[in-house]
Amino acid sequence: MTEYLMGGAGGFAMNQNFAPQEIDQIVRAQSAARSIARKNVRDQLHGDSLHGADLSVMEREFEKGDLEVQTLLRGNRVRRFKAFEALPVPQPTVRLS
């Protein structure tokens, strides 16, 4: 059925026009690819923060029924190099009284 729907033949039947359908296997493959990318990035961060993340999913069809799903996750890794130190209390240099 997946191969049939990917071929584009699933939209017309007996002169009736049907809306495009989601293909369950493709939706699950996209979700799995996104999940794997997020898990791999979390494992590599080791507690650091990720800012400006951009997740994209690309698909490439090789032959009828063969589909490759790729996921790319980009972002900026932010790591604190030393513990937070509060600024010292400012000392007045000129008295106004």
Protein backbone atom coordinates (compact mmCIF):
# COMPACT_ATOMS: atom_id res chain seq x y z
CA MET A 1 0.00 0.00 0.00
CA THR A 2 2.88 2.37 0.80
CA GLU A 3 4.42 1.81 -2.62
CA TYR A 4 1.00 2.38 -4.22
CA LEU A 5 0.47 5.69 -2.37
CA MET A 6 4.05 6.87 -3.04
CA GLY A 7 3.49 6.24 -6.74
CA GLY A 8 0.79 8.89 -6.77
CA ALA A 9 -1.95 6.49 -7.76
CA GLY A 10 -3.83 6.84 -4.47
CA GLY A 11 -5.46 10.16 -5.32
CA PHE A 12 -7.92 9.10 -8.01
CA ALA A 13 -10.34 6.20 -8.01
CA MET A 14 -13.31 5.76 -10.35
CA ASN A 15 -13.30 9.43 -11.46
CA GLN A 16 -13.44 10.69 -7.87
CA ASN A 17 -10.85 13.15 -6.61
CA PHE A 18 -9.63 12.39 -3.06
CA ALA A 19 -7.45 14.54 -0.83
CA PRO A 20 -3.80 13.49 -0.44
CA GLN A 21 -3.22 11.03 2.37
CA GLU A 22 -0.40 10.79 4.87
CA ILE A 23 1.59 7.61 4.50
CA ASP A 24 1.97 6.11 7.96
CA GLN A 25 5.38 4.52 7.38
CA ILE A 26 6.84 7.79 6.11
CA VAL A 27 5.43 9.79 9.03
CA ARG A 28 6.89 7.24 11.48
CA ALA A 29 10.27 7.35 9.69
CA GLN A 30 10.36 11.17 9.90
CA SER A 31 9.44 11.07 13.61
CA ALA A 32 12.07 8.42 14.32
CA ALA A 33 14.75 10.42 12.47
CA ARG A 34 13.94 13.57 14.47
CA SER A 35 13.94 11.60 17.73
CA ILE A 36 17.32 10.00 16.98
CA ALA A 37 18.86 13.39 16.10
CA ARG A 38 17.61 14.98 19.34
CA LYS A 39 18.85 12.02 21.42
CA ASN A 40 22.31 12.11 19.82
CA VAL A 41 22.66 15.85 20.41
CA ARG A 42 21.52 15.51 24.06
CA ASP A 43 24.12 12.77 24.58
CA GLN A 44 26.88 14.99 23.15
CA LEU A 45 25.98 18.12 25.12
CA HIS A 46 26.91 16.66 28.54
CA GLY A 47 24.83 19.24 30.40
CA ASP A 48 25.75 22.22 28.22
CA SER A 49 23.07 24.40 26.62
CA LEU A 50 22.03 24.38 22.97
CA HIS A 51 20.90 27.74 21.55
CA GLY A 52 19.50 28.68 18.17
CA ALA A 53 18.66 25.08 17.25
CA ASP A 54 17.39 24.38 13.74
CA LEU A 55 16.00 20.94 12.88
CA SER A 56 15.42 20.00 9.25
CA VAL A 57 14.23 16.74 7.69
CA MET A 58 15.16 15.86 4.11
CA GLU A 59 13.79 13.03 2.01
CA ARG A 60 15.23 11.40 -1.07
CA GLU A 61 13.47 8.74 -3.11
CA PHE A 62 15.80 6.30 -4.86
CA GLU A 63 13.36 4.07 -6.65
CA LYS A 64 9.69 3.32 -6.40
CA GLY A 65 9.08 2.57 -2.73
CA ASP A 66 12.64 3.32 -1.51
CA LEU A 67 12.87 6.48 0.57
CA GLU A 68 15.77 7.87 2.59
CA VAL A 69 14.99 10.23 5.48
CA GLN A 70 17.83 12.45 6.76
CA THR A 71 17.73 14.80 9.72
CA LEU A 72 20.06 17.71 10.39
CA LEU A 73 20.12 19.48 13.75
CA ARG A 74 22.27 22.61 14.04
CA GLY A 75 22.78 24.93 16.96
CA ASN A 76 25.29 26.71 19.16
CA ARG A 77 26.67 24.84 22.13
CA VAL A 78 27.21 27.08 25.15
CA ARG A 79 29.54 25.96 27.94
CA ARG A 80 30.41 27.82 31.13
CA PHE A 81 34.16 27.77 31.71
CA LYS A 82 34.17 28.92 35.31
CA ALA A 83 31.68 29.31 38.11
CA PHE A 84 29.64 32.49 38.32
CA GLU A 85 31.31 35.22 40.37
CA ALA A 86 29.26 38.17 41.57
CA LEU A 87 30.65 41.61 40.88
CA PRO A 88 32.09 43.40 43.91
CA VAL A 89 30.00 46.10 45.54
CA PRO A 90 30.87 49.44 43.90
CA GLN A 91 32.80 51.89 46.08
CA PRO A 92 31.89 55.56 45.93
CA THR A 93 34.73 57.69 44.60
CA VAL A 94 33.19 61.16 45.02
CA ARG A 95 31.00 62.19 47.92
CA LEU A 96 28.12 64.48 47.12
CA SER A 97 27.63 65.80 50.67
